[in-house]
Amino acid sequence: LFCLHDAVVMTGRLQRSIQVFLDSPMAISATEIFRHQRECLSDAVAAMFRDHDPFSVPGLHFTRETAESMRINTISGGAVIMAGSGMATGGRIRHHLKHNLWRADAGIVFVGFAAEGTLARAIINGAGTVRIFGEEIPVKARIYTIGGFSAHAGQAELVAWHRRSEARRTYLVHGEESAMAALQPLLGGAVDMPRLGDSFDL
């Protein structure tokens, strides 16, 4: 929403008349926390709220209810739909993909990391068709990715954090195997990459 506010309100890169849907009950609740708990924000973020609400995008609709979400796919004209599950493994995003992937005039933007084996990764890697809710859907939409929004630390940050932790033993359990294998020697010391069924005494 910050970036859309910038694109629509501050720079005019998007038409002010465009409809914007935040179609994720969890994201809506998180947005409300930011709006109402400003004392918990950093000084830099709190400063954004002094002059205006950075979440206030013209044409913004919060869709909490399932029926509201379903109606989005019946609107005509352009719209921006933000739905949860960046890897497209579940949730409302799968319905929006089913209704829009086949459209050559649609653009799908994946924000953040998409793990191997997920629907999002298949689409990003150029799949010609994907299976959603038992149907084969042709991928004709334009596909974009934005990597800068991932909440995961990069390799340098992980190594620096690990050094500060002074851990005697480390277990790499989250991430793609190739990335963990590249990280393992950089951490030094006792570093394990457990496999299914492995057990350890802690």
Protein backbone atom coordinates (compact mmCIF):
# COMPACT_ATOMS: atom_id res chain seq x y z
CA LEU A 1 0.00 0.00 0.00
CA PHE A 2 2.91 2.36 0.69
CA CYS A 3 4.18 1.85 -2.86
CA LEU A 4 0.72 2.20 -4.39
CA HIS A 5 0.18 5.41 -2.43
CA ASP A 6 3.44 6.68 -3.91
CA ALA A 7 2.51 5.57 -7.44
CA VAL A 8 -1.03 6.95 -7.36
CA VAL A 9 -0.97 9.97 -5.07
CA MET A 10 2.57 11.27 -4.99
CA THR A 11 3.83 10.67 -8.55
CA GLY A 12 0.66 10.08 -10.56
CA ARG A 13 2.10 6.99 -12.28
CA LEU A 14 -1.25 5.21 -11.87
CA GLN A 15 -4.65 6.71 -12.61
CA ARG A 16 -6.44 7.96 -9.50
CA SER A 17 -9.63 6.33 -10.79
CA ILE A 18 -8.21 2.79 -10.68
CA GLN A 19 -9.85 0.43 -8.21
CA VAL A 20 -7.52 -1.15 -5.65
CA PHE A 21 -8.54 -4.21 -3.62
CA LEU A 22 -6.72 -5.43 -0.53
CA ASP A 23 -8.17 -8.94 -0.57
CA SER A 24 -6.69 -10.50 2.54
CA PRO A 25 -8.36 -10.38 5.96
CA MET A 26 -4.98 -10.86 7.66
CA ALA A 27 -3.35 -8.04 5.69
CA ILE A 28 -6.33 -5.78 6.43
CA SER A 29 -5.96 -6.47 10.16
CA ALA A 30 -2.20 -5.83 9.98
CA THR A 31 -2.83 -2.54 8.18
CA GLU A 32 -5.20 -1.47 10.94
CA ILE A 33 -2.54 -2.26 13.56
CA PHE A 34 -0.11 0.09 11.81
CA ARG A 35 -2.79 2.78 11.61
CA HIS A 36 -3.83 2.56 15.27
CA GLN A 37 -0.56 1.72 17.05
CA ARG A 38 1.60 4.54 15.73
CA GLU A 39 3.53 4.80 18.99
CA CYS A 40 5.13 1.45 18.12
CA LEU A 41 6.45 2.67 14.75
CA SER A 42 9.98 3.83 14.08
CA ASP A 43 10.46 7.59 13.86
CA ALA A 44 10.88 7.39 10.07
CA VAL A 45 7.63 5.47 9.56
CA ALA A 46 5.72 7.55 12.12
CA ALA A 47 6.76 10.68 10.20
CA MET A 48 4.90 9.37 7.14
CA PHE A 49 1.63 9.54 9.11
CA ARG A 50 2.06 13.16 10.18
CA ASP A 51 0.96 14.75 6.91
CA HIS A 52 -1.26 12.02 5.47
CA ASP A 53 -2.28 8.39 5.81
CA PRO A 54 0.20 6.43 3.65
CA PHE A 55 -2.36 3.64 3.37
CA SER A 56 -4.96 5.97 1.88
CA VAL A 57 -5.02 5.11 -1.81
CA PRO A 58 -7.87 6.51 -3.95
CA GLY A 59 -10.26 3.73 -4.92
CA LEU A 60 -9.06 1.41 -2.12
CA HIS A 61 -11.44 -1.35 -1.01
CA PHE A 62 -10.84 -3.71 1.91
CA THR A 63 -12.48 -7.07 1.15
CA ARG A 64 -12.83 -9.11 4.32
CA GLU A 65 -15.77 -11.27 3.28
CA THR A 66 -15.56 -14.17 0.81
CA ALA A 67 -18.52 -12.86 -1.20
CA GLU A 68 -16.76 -9.51 -1.64
CA SER A 69 -13.63 -11.30 -2.83
CA MET A 70 -15.60 -13.30 -5.39
CA ARG A 71 -17.22 -10.14 -6.78
CA ILE A 72 -13.79 -8.72 -7.64
CA ASN A 73 -13.51 -11.19 -10.50
CA THR A 74 -16.71 -9.84 -12.07
CA ILE A 75 -15.65 -6.20 -12.40
CA SER A 76 -14.90 -4.76 -15.81
CA GLY A 77 -11.98 -2.47 -16.50
CA GLY A 78 -8.62 -2.37 -14.79
CA ALA A 79 -7.98 -2.99 -11.11
CA VAL A 80 -5.14 -3.73 -8.73
CA ILE A 81 -5.80 -6.81 -6.59
CA MET A 82 -3.50 -7.53 -3.65
CA ALA A 83 -4.08 -10.97 -2.16
CA GLY A 84 -2.10 -12.98 0.36
CA SER A 85 0.11 -16.04 -0.16
CA GLY A 86 2.93 -14.81 -2.37
CA MET A 87 3.77 -18.42 -3.21
CA ALA A 88 0.14 -19.01 -4.29
CA THR A 89 -0.10 -22.16 -2.21
CA GLY A 90 -3.54 -21.33 -0.84
CA GLY A 91 -6.04 -18.61 -0.13
CA ARG A 92 -7.84 -16.11 -2.31
CA ILE A 93 -4.89 -15.55 -4.64
CA ARG A 94 -5.58 -18.89 -6.31
CA HIS A 95 -9.07 -17.75 -7.32
CA HIS A 96 -7.68 -14.51 -8.77
CA LEU A 97 -5.01 -16.45 -10.67
CA LYS A 98 -7.64 -18.81 -12.07
CA HIS A 99 -9.68 -15.84 -13.32
CA ASN A 100 -6.76 -13.81 -14.68
CA LEU A 101 -3.80 -15.97 -15.74
CA TRP A 102 -5.45 -16.83 -19.07
CA ARG A 103 -5.99 -13.14 -19.93
CA ALA A 104 -3.28 -11.66 -22.17
CA ASP A 105 -4.25 -8.16 -20.97
CA ALA A 106 -3.59 -9.01 -17.30
CA GLY A 107 -0.37 -8.49 -15.38
CA ILE A 108 0.50 -10.67 -12.38
CA VAL A 109 3.15 -9.40 -9.94
CA PHE A 110 4.74 -11.82 -7.47
CA VAL A 111 6.31 -10.02 -4.53
CA GLY A 112 9.03 -11.72 -2.51
CA PHE A 113 10.38 -15.25 -2.54
CA ALA A 114 8.63 -18.20 -4.21
CA ALA A 115 9.95 -21.61 -3.20
CA GLU A 116 10.63 -24.45 -5.61
CA GLY A 117 7.56 -26.63 -6.09
CA THR A 118 5.01 -23.86 -5.49
CA LEU A 119 2.44 -22.59 -7.97
CA ALA A 120 4.03 -19.14 -7.94
CA ARG A 121 7.46 -20.56 -8.80
CA ALA A 122 6.02 -22.58 -11.70
CA ILE A 123 4.39 -19.44 -13.12
CA ILE A 124 7.53 -17.34 -12.59
CA ASN A 125 9.63 -20.03 -14.29
CA GLY A 126 7.46 -19.75 -17.41
CA ALA A 127 4.96 -22.61 -17.19
CA GLY A 128 2.63 -22.58 -20.21
CA THR A 129 -0.24 -24.01 -18.17
CA VAL A 130 -0.84 -24.58 -14.47
CA ARG A 131 -3.39 -26.64 -12.57
CA ILE A 132 -5.66 -24.68 -10.20
CA PHE A 133 -8.67 -26.28 -8.50
CA GLY A 134 -8.40 -29.26 -10.84
CA GLU A 135 -8.45 -27.16 -14.02
CA GLU A 136 -5.64 -26.60 -16.51
CA ILE A 137 -5.24 -22.83 -16.85
CA PRO A 138 -3.16 -21.40 -19.73
CA VAL A 139 -0.68 -18.74 -18.65
CA LYS A 140 -1.10 -15.80 -21.03
CA ALA A 141 -0.84 -12.90 -18.56
CA ARG A 142 2.35 -10.86 -18.29
CA ILE A 143 4.33 -12.09 -15.26
CA TYR A 144 6.48 -9.79 -13.12
CA THR A 145 8.48 -10.30 -9.94
CA ILE A 146 9.63 -7.87 -7.26
CA GLY A 147 12.25 -9.37 -4.97
CA GLY A 148 12.94 -6.43 -2.68
CA PHE A 149 9.92 -7.00 -0.44
CA SER A 150 11.01 -10.35 0.96
CA ALA A 151 11.20 -10.33 4.75
CA HIS A 152 14.06 -12.84 4.78
CA ALA A 153 17.60 -11.74 5.56
CA GLY A 154 20.23 -12.12 2.85
CA GLN A 155 23.29 -14.33 3.15
CA ALA A 156 25.57 -11.60 4.54
CA GLU A 157 23.01 -10.66 7.20
CA LEU A 158 22.55 -14.30 8.23
CA VAL A 159 26.30 -14.87 8.55
CA ALA A 160 26.73 -11.67 10.61
CA TRP A 161 23.80 -12.60 12.87
CA HIS A 162 25.19 -16.12 13.34
CA ARG A 163 28.60 -14.80 14.37
CA ARG A 164 27.01 -12.59 17.01
CA SER A 165 24.93 -15.48 18.36
CA GLU A 166 28.00 -17.58 19.30
CA ALA A 167 25.93 -20.72 18.66
CA ARG A 168 27.78 -23.97 19.36
CA ARG A 169 25.68 -25.93 16.87
CA THR A 170 23.44 -24.73 14.04
CA TYR A 171 20.65 -26.49 12.15
CA LEU A 172 19.66 -25.22 8.69
CA VAL A 173 16.03 -26.22 8.23
CA HIS A 174 14.33 -23.50 6.18
CA GLY A 175 15.09 -22.63 2.57
CA GLU A 176 16.06 -24.22 -0.69
CA GLU A 177 18.65 -26.95 -0.38
CA SER A 178 21.13 -25.26 -2.73
CA ALA A 179 20.97 -22.01 -0.74
CA MET A 180 21.44 -23.83 2.57
CA ALA A 181 24.37 -25.82 1.13
CA ALA A 182 26.03 -22.56 0.05
CA LEU A 183 25.45 -21.02 3.49
CA GLN A 184 26.69 -24.02 5.48
CA PRO A 185 30.48 -23.53 5.02
CA LEU A 186 30.21 -19.77 5.61
CA LEU A 187 28.81 -20.27 9.09
CA GLY A 188 31.72 -22.34 10.33
CA GLY A 189 31.61 -24.72 13.27
CA ALA A 190 29.07 -27.50 13.62
CA VAL A 191 26.34 -26.92 11.04
CA ASP A 192 23.79 -29.60 10.17
CA MET A 193 21.21 -29.76 7.38
CA PRO A 194 18.68 -32.26 8.79
CA ARG A 195 16.75 -34.51 6.47
CA LEU A 196 13.32 -36.04 6.98
CA GLY A 197 13.51 -38.54 9.85
CA ASP A 198 16.76 -37.21 11.37
CA SER A 199 16.72 -36.69 15.13
CA PHE A 200 19.05 -34.79 17.43
CA ASP A 201 19.56 -34.53 21.18
CA LEU A 202 19.57 -30.87 22.16
